[in-house]
Amino acid sequence: MVKTVEHVQSYADLEEKLEKAGSTLVVIDFYATWCGPCKAIGPKIEELAKETEDVIFLKVDVEECEDIVNEYKITNMPTFVFIKEGKILETFSGANYDLLLSTIQTHK
């Protein structure tokens, strides 16, 4: 089965996905459909999800999930949040693929 980026539908959906992840690193991509940098890095994240078996990639549309955006205090897109065992390990904003890769390597 090819792993893909999972789209988060609601706050409850996110909680469930984080719960199921256990000790696996979860990378949440907060994006907007109108955001240029989000569109640029999106396909790279899809590729990364296929190649990286031991990391879970989630996408949150900031327009659809305002409660999650508020909870995680997201102000820029894209913003990546790295979570393991329910704890936020790191967060950064911007479509920086190299930083995304190195942060994943650091935490997985």
Protein backbone atom coordinates (compact mmCIF):
# COMPACT_ATOMS: atom_id res chain seq x y z
CA MET A 1 0.00 0.00 0.00
CA VAL A 2 1.35 3.39 -0.98
CA LYS A 3 1.28 5.85 1.89
CA THR A 4 -0.18 9.25 1.14
CA VAL A 5 -0.74 12.52 2.92
CA GLU A 6 -3.96 12.33 4.93
CA HIS A 7 -6.32 15.30 4.94
CA VAL A 8 -7.66 16.25 8.36
CA GLN A 9 -11.42 16.88 8.31
CA SER A 10 -12.00 18.20 11.83
CA TYR A 11 -10.47 18.66 15.27
CA ALA A 12 -11.84 15.26 16.35
CA ASP A 13 -10.32 13.69 13.22
CA LEU A 14 -6.92 15.20 14.06
CA GLU A 15 -7.11 13.98 17.67
CA GLU A 16 -7.93 10.48 16.45
CA LYS A 17 -5.06 10.46 13.94
CA LEU A 18 -2.59 11.70 16.57
CA GLU A 19 -3.82 9.08 19.03
CA LYS A 20 -3.40 6.31 16.44
CA ALA A 21 0.11 7.52 15.55
CA GLY A 22 1.43 6.63 19.02
CA SER A 23 5.20 7.09 19.03
CA THR A 24 5.41 7.64 15.25
CA LEU A 25 6.43 11.13 14.15
CA VAL A 26 3.52 13.13 12.72
CA VAL A 27 4.15 16.09 10.41
CA ILE A 28 1.17 18.42 10.00
CA ASP A 29 1.19 20.73 6.98
CA PHE A 30 -1.05 23.75 7.56
CA TYR A 31 -1.86 25.12 4.11
CA ALA A 32 -4.33 27.21 2.12
CA THR A 33 -5.52 26.45 -1.42
CA TRP A 34 -4.69 30.02 -2.52
CA CYS A 35 -1.16 29.98 -1.02
CA GLY A 36 1.58 29.95 -3.68
CA PRO A 37 4.38 28.47 -1.52
CA CYS A 38 1.92 25.80 -0.28
CA LYS A 39 1.20 24.78 -3.88
CA ALA A 40 4.93 24.69 -4.61
CA ILE A 41 5.87 22.38 -1.73
CA GLY A 42 2.67 20.27 -1.81
CA PRO A 43 3.85 17.74 -4.45
CA LYS A 44 7.19 17.36 -2.65
CA ILE A 45 5.35 16.47 0.57
CA GLU A 46 3.30 13.87 -1.35
CA GLU A 47 6.57 12.32 -2.61
CA LEU A 48 8.08 12.41 0.86
CA ALA A 49 5.03 10.65 2.29
CA LYS A 50 5.47 7.80 -0.22
CA GLU A 51 9.21 7.48 0.52
CA THR A 52 9.11 7.84 4.31
CA GLU A 53 7.45 4.80 5.83
CA ASP A 54 8.00 5.70 9.48
CA VAL A 55 6.46 9.20 9.41
CA ILE A 56 2.79 10.19 9.15
CA PHE A 57 1.97 13.26 7.06
CA LEU A 58 -1.25 15.20 7.65
CA LYS A 59 -2.61 18.27 5.85
CA VAL A 60 -4.88 20.84 7.46
CA ASP A 61 -6.67 23.38 5.27
CA VAL A 62 -6.61 26.58 7.33
CA GLU A 63 -9.86 27.74 5.73
CA GLU A 64 -11.75 24.59 6.76
CA CYS A 65 -10.36 23.92 10.24
CA GLU A 66 -10.20 27.24 12.08
CA ASP A 67 -10.41 25.54 15.48
CA ILE A 68 -7.21 23.59 14.76
CA VAL A 69 -5.54 26.73 13.38
CA ASN A 70 -6.38 28.57 16.60
CA GLU A 71 -5.27 25.68 18.80
CA TYR A 72 -1.86 25.52 17.09
CA LYS A 73 -1.60 29.33 16.74
CA ILE A 74 -0.97 29.19 13.00
CA THR A 75 -0.39 32.60 11.42
CA ASN A 76 1.58 31.79 8.24
CA MET A 77 1.28 29.21 5.48
CA PRO A 78 2.68 26.78 5.02
CA THR A 79 3.45 25.95 8.63
CA PHE A 80 4.78 22.53 9.60
CA VAL A 81 4.17 21.12 13.07
CA PHE A 82 6.11 18.06 14.22
CA ILE A 83 4.36 15.94 16.85
CA LYS A 84 5.32 12.73 18.62
CA GLU A 85 3.31 11.04 21.38
CA GLY A 86 0.95 14.02 21.46
CA LYS A 87 3.72 16.57 22.12
CA ILE A 88 4.78 19.34 19.75
CA LEU A 89 8.50 18.92 19.12
CA GLU A 90 9.06 21.72 16.65
CA THR A 91 7.25 24.15 14.35
CA PHE A 92 8.40 26.25 11.41
CA SER A 93 6.80 28.31 8.67
CA GLY A 94 7.78 28.54 5.03
CA ALA A 95 8.14 26.20 2.08
CA ASN A 96 11.68 25.13 2.99
CA TYR A 97 12.08 21.56 1.76
CA ASP A 98 15.62 21.12 3.10
CA LEU A 99 14.55 22.26 6.57
CA LEU A 100 11.55 19.94 6.38
CA LEU A 101 13.83 16.98 5.57
CA SER A 102 16.38 17.76 8.28
CA THR A 103 13.68 18.32 10.91
CA ILE A 104 12.11 14.95 10.04
CA GLN A 105 15.52 13.26 10.32
CA THR A 106 16.09 14.92 13.70
CA HIS A 107 12.81 13.74 15.25
CA LYS A 108 11.96 10.36 13.73
